[in-house]
Amino acid sequence: MTAHKRTPGPNPLAALDGAEIPGGCDYCNSVQRVQAYAGGSGVRITVMHDDWCPWWAARQQPERNTP
């Protein structure tokens, strides 16, 4: 039996490159930004929170060291 190597096809999500999709956070009016990788190997989806978002603000606080 011969092993066949598949050639990856085009990334169907690449068509969404640059799209902003509403939603992604329960606490603010965030959007999800889609960025396709060069060569069609995948996409990156980044959730962009509002400046006033309490969830995002809580993640920006440095961790407190407790004795």
N, C-alpha and C. Protein backbone atom coordinates (compact mmCIF):
# COMPACT_ATOMS: atom_id res chain seq x y z
N MET A 1 0.84 -1.17 0.00
CA MET A 1 0.00 0.00 0.00
C MET A 1 0.90 1.24 0.00
N THR A 2 0.58 2.21 -0.81
CA THR A 2 1.35 3.44 -0.92
C THR A 2 0.67 4.56 -0.14
N ALA A 3 1.44 5.28 0.65
CA ALA A 3 0.90 6.42 1.39
C ALA A 3 0.84 7.62 0.46
N HIS A 4 -0.30 8.27 0.45
CA HIS A 4 -0.48 9.46 -0.38
C HIS A 4 -0.45 10.69 0.51
N LYS A 5 0.32 11.66 0.08
CA LYS A 5 0.39 12.91 0.82
C LYS A 5 -0.61 13.89 0.22
N ARG A 6 -1.44 14.42 1.06
CA ARG A 6 -2.43 15.38 0.56
C ARG A 6 -1.83 16.77 0.45
N THR A 7 -2.18 17.45 -0.61
CA THR A 7 -1.80 18.84 -0.77
C THR A 7 -2.90 19.69 -0.18
N PRO A 8 -2.56 20.58 0.77
CA PRO A 8 -3.63 21.38 1.36
C PRO A 8 -4.30 22.26 0.32
N GLY A 9 -5.60 22.33 0.41
CA GLY A 9 -6.37 23.17 -0.49
C GLY A 9 -6.44 24.59 0.03
N PRO A 10 -7.16 25.42 -0.67
CA PRO A 10 -7.28 26.81 -0.23
C PRO A 10 -8.02 26.89 1.11
N ASN A 11 -7.65 27.85 1.91
CA ASN A 11 -8.27 28.05 3.21
C ASN A 11 -9.62 28.76 3.00
N PRO A 12 -10.74 28.12 3.34
CA PRO A 12 -12.03 28.76 3.11
C PRO A 12 -12.25 29.98 4.00
N LEU A 13 -11.55 30.07 5.11
CA LEU A 13 -11.70 31.23 5.99
C LEU A 13 -10.92 32.44 5.50
N ALA A 14 -10.03 32.26 4.54
CA ALA A 14 -9.24 33.37 4.01
C ALA A 14 -10.14 34.43 3.38
N ALA A 15 -11.31 34.04 2.92
CA ALA A 15 -12.25 35.00 2.34
C ALA A 15 -12.74 36.01 3.38
N LEU A 16 -12.60 35.67 4.65
CA LEU A 16 -13.02 36.58 5.73
C LEU A 16 -11.91 37.53 6.16
N ASP A 17 -10.77 37.50 5.50
CA ASP A 17 -9.65 38.36 5.88
C ASP A 17 -10.10 39.82 5.95
N GLY A 18 -9.85 40.45 7.10
CA GLY A 18 -10.22 41.85 7.29
C GLY A 18 -11.63 42.06 7.81
N ALA A 19 -12.40 40.99 7.94
CA ALA A 19 -13.79 41.13 8.40
C ALA A 19 -13.82 41.47 9.88
N GLU A 20 -14.84 42.23 10.28
CA GLU A 20 -15.13 42.50 11.68
C GLU A 20 -16.50 41.93 11.98
N ILE A 21 -16.54 40.96 12.88
CA ILE A 21 -17.77 40.25 13.21
C ILE A 21 -18.21 40.72 14.59
N PRO A 22 -19.43 41.22 14.74
CA PRO A 22 -19.89 41.69 16.05
C PRO A 22 -19.95 40.55 17.07
N GLY A 23 -19.66 40.89 18.33
CA GLY A 23 -19.79 39.93 19.41
C GLY A 23 -18.47 39.37 19.86
N GLY A 24 -18.54 38.51 20.87
CA GLY A 24 -17.34 37.88 21.39
C GLY A 24 -17.15 38.13 22.87
N CYS A 25 -17.89 39.09 23.45
CA CYS A 25 -17.79 39.39 24.87
C CYS A 25 -19.18 39.66 25.41
N ASP A 26 -19.48 39.10 26.58
CA ASP A 26 -20.79 39.30 27.19
C ASP A 26 -20.91 40.64 27.90
N TYR A 27 -19.80 41.39 28.05
CA TYR A 27 -19.81 42.61 28.85
C TYR A 27 -19.70 43.89 28.06
N CYS A 28 -19.36 43.83 26.79
CA CYS A 28 -19.23 45.06 26.00
C CYS A 28 -19.65 44.78 24.55
N ASN A 29 -19.52 45.79 23.72
CA ASN A 29 -19.90 45.69 22.30
C ASN A 29 -18.67 45.35 21.45
N SER A 30 -18.00 44.28 21.79
CA SER A 30 -16.76 43.91 21.11
C SER A 30 -17.01 43.44 19.69
N VAL A 31 -15.94 43.42 18.93
CA VAL A 31 -15.96 42.85 17.58
C VAL A 31 -14.81 41.85 17.47
N GLN A 32 -14.96 40.90 16.58
CA GLN A 32 -13.90 39.93 16.30
C GLN A 32 -13.29 40.29 14.95
N ARG A 33 -11.99 40.52 14.94
CA ARG A 33 -11.28 40.85 13.70
C ARG A 33 -10.59 39.60 13.18
N VAL A 34 -10.77 39.36 11.89
CA VAL A 34 -10.20 38.16 11.26
C VAL A 34 -9.01 38.58 10.40
N GLN A 35 -7.89 37.88 10.58
CA GLN A 35 -6.69 38.13 9.80
C GLN A 35 -6.19 36.80 9.25
N ALA A 36 -6.13 36.68 7.94
CA ALA A 36 -5.65 35.45 7.31
C ALA A 36 -4.13 35.45 7.26
N TYR A 37 -3.52 34.30 7.52
CA TYR A 37 -2.08 34.15 7.41
C TYR A 37 -1.68 34.06 5.94
N ALA A 38 -0.49 34.53 5.64
CA ALA A 38 0.02 34.44 4.28
C ALA A 38 0.10 32.99 3.85
N GLY A 39 -0.26 32.73 2.65
CA GLY A 39 -0.20 31.37 2.12
C GLY A 39 -1.45 30.55 2.43
N GLY A 40 -2.41 31.16 3.12
CA GLY A 40 -3.66 30.46 3.39
C GLY A 40 -3.56 29.35 4.41
N SER A 41 -2.56 29.43 5.31
CA SER A 41 -2.37 28.34 6.26
C SER A 41 -3.29 28.43 7.47
N GLY A 42 -4.03 29.50 7.62
CA GLY A 42 -4.94 29.63 8.76
C GLY A 42 -5.36 31.08 8.93
N VAL A 43 -6.12 31.32 9.99
CA VAL A 43 -6.55 32.67 10.31
C VAL A 43 -6.34 32.95 11.79
N ARG A 44 -6.24 34.22 12.12
CA ARG A 44 -6.18 34.66 13.52
C ARG A 44 -7.45 35.47 13.76
N ILE A 45 -8.14 35.15 14.86
CA ILE A 45 -9.33 35.90 15.24
C ILE A 45 -9.02 36.59 16.57
N THR A 46 -9.10 37.92 16.58
CA THR A 46 -8.80 38.72 17.75
C THR A 46 -10.07 39.41 18.22
N VAL A 47 -10.40 39.28 19.49
CA VAL A 47 -11.56 39.98 20.04
C VAL A 47 -11.10 41.35 20.50
N MET A 48 -11.73 42.39 19.96
CA MET A 48 -11.40 43.77 20.30
C MET A 48 -12.49 44.31 21.23
N HIS A 49 -12.13 44.52 22.51
CA HIS A 49 -13.07 44.98 23.51
C HIS A 49 -13.18 46.50 23.51
N ASP A 50 -14.30 47.01 24.00
CA ASP A 50 -14.45 48.45 24.20
C ASP A 50 -13.52 48.88 25.33
N ASP A 51 -13.11 50.17 25.31
CA ASP A 51 -12.21 50.68 26.35
C ASP A 51 -12.80 50.55 27.74
N TRP A 52 -14.11 50.64 27.85
CA TRP A 52 -14.78 50.61 29.15
C TRP A 52 -15.16 49.20 29.61
N CYS A 53 -14.81 48.18 28.89
CA CYS A 53 -15.21 46.80 29.20
C CYS A 53 -14.64 46.35 30.55
N PRO A 54 -15.50 45.95 31.50
CA PRO A 54 -15.00 45.50 32.80
C PRO A 54 -14.20 44.20 32.71
N TRP A 55 -14.56 43.32 31.80
CA TRP A 55 -13.82 42.07 31.65
C TRP A 55 -12.39 42.36 31.21
N TRP A 56 -12.25 43.23 30.20
CA TRP A 56 -10.93 43.57 29.69
C TRP A 56 -10.11 44.33 30.74
N ALA A 57 -10.75 45.25 31.46
CA ALA A 57 -10.05 46.01 32.49
C ALA A 57 -9.51 45.09 33.58
N ALA A 58 -10.28 44.08 33.95
CA ALA A 58 -9.83 43.13 34.97
C ALA A 58 -8.61 42.34 34.50
N ARG A 59 -8.50 42.07 33.21
CA ARG A 59 -7.36 41.31 32.68
C ARG A 59 -6.11 42.17 32.57
N GLN A 60 -6.28 43.49 32.62
CA GLN A 60 -5.13 44.39 32.49
C GLN A 60 -4.45 44.66 33.82
N GLN A 61 -5.08 44.28 34.93
CA GLN A 61 -4.50 44.51 36.27
C GLN A 61 -3.36 43.53 36.50
N PRO A 62 -2.23 44.03 37.05
CA PRO A 62 -1.15 43.10 37.36
C PRO A 62 -1.57 42.17 38.50
N GLU A 63 -1.03 40.98 38.46
CA GLU A 63 -1.35 40.00 39.50
C GLU A 63 -0.79 40.49 40.83
N ARG A 64 -1.56 40.31 41.89
CA ARG A 64 -1.12 40.74 43.20
C ARG A 64 -0.39 39.59 43.90
N ASN A 65 0.75 39.91 44.46
CA ASN A 65 1.50 38.92 45.22
C ASN A 65 1.00 38.93 46.66
N THR A 66 0.65 37.79 47.16
CA THR A 66 0.20 37.70 48.54
C THR A 66 1.25 36.98 49.36
N PRO A 67 1.49 37.45 50.59
CA PRO A 67 2.51 36.81 51.43
C PRO A 67 2.14 35.40 51.83
